[in-house]
Amino acid sequence: MNFLLYKLYNTKLAMMKKLIVKLVLMEEKGECHSRTLRRIFNNYHNIDVGMYSYGACFNWRLFHPGITVGRYCSISPTASARTRGHPLEFKSSHPLFFSSKMKLCKEDLVTFSPLVIGNDVWMGYNSIILPRVERIGDGAVIGANAVVTDNVPPYAVVAGVPAKVIRYRFSPNTIDKLLQEKWWDKDLEELKPHLEEFTRKYNP
């Protein structure tokens, strides 16, 4: 049934797409666990979402093509990430003159740039990543209403407009250990025996 839903998603009817996503999520225990939803977004929207991540990364209106989202990310339903902006150097910045979807241009004249959002990233309410950004590091936190204009280091907490690093989640030594450990490569079942490490203040 899930393969059939995946194939049926290839429709121009927006209501049909919404219904298919709803059925897939019911069948596969929600966004965190659904492999079919990830396949749909990868193949139909060019958005690659890692396991256990959830939120606006599954809204193609808020997340542009060319985005890779790591595993275990928590993304507010109102967050967004853009990989294409409006051209300032054209006579007009209107998409009629650069987007093939608007039917006037035969090809896209402003391309989507790739963006990698690392693992265990938290994007807060109404936060936005702008097209010039190439990478959000593993473990980073993007505060509510932040406007990210530059790459974010691993485990940095950024906030403001434009977003600036206000602190780091852990000491440099702990960050290095976490980046080497790459706990996010493990599936949830593998992590369950070590649940205590994830349910209290982390002090390695």
Protein backbone atom coordinates (compact mmCIF):
# COMPACT_ATOMS: atom_id res chain seq x y z
CA MET A 1 0.00 0.00 0.00
CA ASN A 2 2.79 2.45 0.84
CA PHE A 3 4.45 1.94 -2.54
CA LEU A 4 1.10 2.67 -4.18
CA LEU A 5 0.72 5.86 -2.13
CA TYR A 6 4.25 6.86 -3.11
CA LYS A 7 3.36 6.44 -6.80
CA LEU A 8 0.01 8.23 -6.43
CA TYR A 9 1.77 11.27 -4.94
CA ASN A 10 2.89 12.11 -8.47
CA THR A 11 -0.25 14.20 -9.06
CA LYS A 12 -0.91 17.89 -9.63
CA LEU A 13 -3.82 17.88 -7.19
CA ALA A 14 -2.72 19.53 -3.93
CA MET A 15 -5.59 18.03 -1.93
CA MET A 16 -4.63 14.55 -3.15
CA LYS A 17 -1.03 15.10 -2.05
CA LYS A 18 -2.20 16.16 1.43
CA LEU A 19 -4.41 13.09 1.73
CA ILE A 20 -1.58 10.77 0.68
CA VAL A 21 0.79 12.29 3.25
CA LYS A 22 -1.89 11.92 5.93
CA LEU A 23 -2.43 8.24 5.07
CA VAL A 24 1.32 7.56 5.02
CA LEU A 25 1.78 9.18 8.44
CA MET A 26 -1.09 7.16 9.92
CA GLU A 27 0.36 3.96 8.51
CA GLU A 28 3.96 4.59 9.55
CA LYS A 29 3.68 6.16 13.05
CA GLY A 30 4.23 9.81 12.12
CA GLU A 31 7.00 11.98 10.67
CA CYS A 32 9.78 10.69 12.93
CA HIS A 33 9.47 7.12 11.68
CA SER A 34 8.00 7.28 8.15
CA ARG A 35 10.34 5.99 5.46
CA THR A 36 7.75 6.46 2.70
CA LEU A 37 7.41 10.17 3.52
CA ARG A 38 11.18 10.52 3.25
CA ARG A 39 11.13 8.78 -0.11
CA ILE A 40 8.36 11.09 -1.33
CA PHE A 41 10.23 14.24 -0.31
CA ASN A 42 13.55 12.99 -1.67
CA ASN A 43 12.22 11.97 -5.08
CA TYR A 44 9.44 14.50 -5.66
CA HIS A 45 10.78 17.60 -3.88
CA ASN A 46 14.58 17.05 -3.79
CA ILE A 47 14.60 17.36 0.01
CA ASP A 48 16.55 14.62 1.80
CA VAL A 49 15.41 14.17 5.42
CA GLY A 50 17.21 11.85 7.85
CA MET A 51 15.42 9.41 10.14
CA TYR A 52 13.70 10.71 13.29
CA SER A 53 13.73 14.33 12.10
CA TYR A 54 10.38 16.09 12.01
CA GLY A 55 8.68 19.43 11.38
CA ALA A 56 8.77 21.98 8.56
CA CYS A 57 11.34 19.90 6.64
CA PHE A 58 8.24 18.03 5.42
CA ASN A 59 6.64 21.19 4.05
CA TRP A 60 7.97 21.85 0.55
CA ARG A 61 6.63 25.43 0.68
CA LEU A 62 8.89 26.20 3.66
CA PHE A 63 11.92 24.07 2.72
CA HIS A 64 13.35 24.53 -0.77
CA PRO A 65 14.82 21.87 -3.09
CA GLY A 66 18.47 20.99 -2.57
CA ILE A 67 18.26 20.69 1.22
CA THR A 68 19.70 17.76 3.17
CA VAL A 69 18.47 17.43 6.75
CA GLY A 70 20.36 15.16 9.14
CA ARG A 71 18.94 12.69 11.63
CA TYR A 72 17.18 13.50 14.92
CA CYS A 73 16.46 17.14 13.98
CA SER A 74 13.67 19.10 15.70
CA ILE A 75 12.30 21.71 13.33
CA SER A 76 9.45 24.03 14.25
CA PRO A 77 6.46 23.82 11.89
CA THR A 78 6.92 27.56 11.21
CA ALA A 79 10.68 27.42 10.49
CA SER A 80 11.91 27.73 6.91
CA ALA A 81 15.04 27.22 4.85
CA ARG A 82 15.53 28.89 1.47
CA THR A 83 17.98 27.81 -1.19
CA ARG A 84 17.03 30.36 -3.83
CA GLY A 85 16.46 34.09 -3.52
CA HIS A 86 15.18 36.81 -5.81
CA PRO A 87 17.87 38.28 -8.10
CA LEU A 88 18.95 41.80 -7.20
CA GLU A 89 20.98 42.22 -10.39
CA PHE A 90 18.07 41.56 -12.80
CA LYS A 91 15.89 44.41 -14.06
CA SER A 92 13.08 42.92 -11.98
CA SER A 93 13.21 40.67 -8.93
CA HIS A 94 9.82 39.09 -9.77
CA PRO A 95 9.83 35.29 -10.29
CA LEU A 96 8.02 35.69 -13.61
CA PHE A 97 11.41 36.59 -15.02
CA PHE A 98 13.53 33.82 -13.48
CA SER A 99 11.33 30.84 -12.49
CA SER A 100 10.16 28.25 -15.00
CA LYS A 101 7.18 27.47 -12.72
CA MET A 102 5.71 30.86 -13.64
CA LYS A 103 5.57 29.66 -17.29
CA LEU A 104 7.16 32.76 -18.84
CA CYS A 105 10.76 31.45 -18.74
CA LYS A 106 11.50 28.06 -20.25
CA GLU A 107 14.22 27.34 -17.69
CA ASP A 108 15.18 28.46 -14.20
CA LEU A 109 17.53 31.42 -14.46
CA VAL A 110 18.28 31.48 -10.73
CA THR A 111 19.29 28.07 -9.44
CA PHE A 112 18.80 26.45 -6.04
CA SER A 113 21.99 26.23 -3.97
CA PRO A 114 22.60 23.17 -1.76
CA LEU A 115 22.16 23.42 2.01
CA VAL A 116 23.18 20.81 4.58
CA ILE A 117 21.50 20.90 7.97
CA GLY A 118 23.43 18.61 10.30
CA ASN A 119 22.21 16.04 12.80
CA ASP A 120 20.42 16.87 16.07
CA VAL A 121 19.74 20.45 14.94
CA TRP A 122 16.92 22.39 16.59
CA MET A 123 15.27 25.18 14.58
CA GLY A 124 13.00 27.38 16.68
CA TYR A 125 9.72 29.12 15.95
CA ASN A 126 9.75 31.31 12.80
CA SER A 127 13.51 30.88 12.32
CA ILE A 128 14.73 31.16 8.74
CA ILE A 129 17.86 30.09 6.88
CA LEU A 130 18.66 32.30 3.89
CA PRO A 131 20.03 31.08 0.53
CA ARG A 132 23.68 32.10 1.05
CA VAL A 133 24.04 29.59 3.93
CA GLU A 134 25.72 26.29 3.02
CA ARG A 135 25.82 24.40 6.32
CA ILE A 136 24.28 24.24 9.77
CA GLY A 137 26.58 22.19 12.01
CA ASP A 138 25.61 19.10 14.00
CA GLY A 139 23.94 19.85 17.33
CA ALA A 140 23.32 23.52 16.52
CA VAL A 141 20.35 25.47 17.88
CA ILE A 142 18.68 28.26 15.90
CA GLY A 143 16.63 30.50 18.19
CA ALA A 144 13.07 31.64 17.60
CA ASN A 145 12.72 34.36 14.92
CA ALA A 146 16.43 34.14 14.05
CA VAL A 147 17.50 35.02 10.51
CA VAL A 148 20.53 32.90 9.61
CA THR A 149 22.77 34.54 7.00
CA ASP A 150 26.03 32.59 7.54
CA ASN A 151 27.11 29.03 8.26
CA VAL A 152 26.56 27.87 11.84
CA PRO A 153 29.29 25.90 13.69
CA PRO A 154 28.51 22.56 15.39
CA TYR A 155 26.75 22.89 18.76
CA ALA A 156 26.49 26.68 18.47
CA VAL A 157 23.38 28.46 19.74
CA VAL A 158 22.51 31.33 17.40
CA ALA A 159 19.84 34.02 17.76
CA GLY A 160 18.93 37.45 16.44
CA VAL A 161 18.66 39.29 13.13
CA PRO A 162 21.06 38.54 11.61
CA ALA A 163 21.74 35.48 13.74
CA LYS A 164 24.93 35.53 15.84
CA VAL A 165 26.53 32.87 18.04
CA ILE A 166 25.47 33.62 21.61
CA ARG A 167 27.02 30.53 23.20
CA TYR A 168 27.86 26.86 22.67
CA ARG A 169 25.94 23.97 24.15
CA PHE A 170 29.06 22.27 25.52
CA SER A 171 32.78 22.82 26.04
CA PRO A 172 35.08 22.46 23.01
CA ASN A 173 36.39 19.14 24.38
CA THR A 174 32.87 17.72 24.77
CA ILE A 175 31.87 18.95 21.31
CA ASP A 176 34.89 17.18 19.78
CA LYS A 177 33.94 13.95 21.55
CA LEU A 178 30.33 14.16 20.38
CA LEU A 179 31.37 14.84 16.79
CA GLN A 180 33.67 11.81 16.88
CA GLU A 181 31.06 9.61 18.54
CA LYS A 182 28.35 10.40 15.92
CA TRP A 183 25.64 8.89 18.11
CA TRP A 184 23.03 10.00 15.56
CA ASP A 185 24.20 7.32 13.14
CA LYS A 186 22.53 4.76 15.40
CA ASP A 187 18.87 3.82 15.13
CA LEU A 188 16.52 4.45 18.02
CA GLU A 189 16.52 0.79 19.05
CA GLU A 190 20.32 0.90 19.41
CA LEU A 191 20.09 4.00 21.62
CA LYS A 192 17.38 2.71 23.96
CA PRO A 193 19.83 0.76 26.18
CA HIS A 194 21.68 4.08 26.71
CA LEU A 195 18.54 6.13 27.36
CA GLU A 196 19.91 7.52 30.62
CA GLU A 197 22.54 9.49 28.68
CA PHE A 198 19.78 11.31 26.79
CA THR A 199 17.30 11.96 29.60
CA ARG A 200 19.41 14.06 31.97
CA LYS A 201 21.99 16.83 31.89
CA TYR A 202 24.86 15.60 29.72
CA ASN A 203 28.14 15.43 31.65
CA PRO A 204 30.58 13.06 29.95
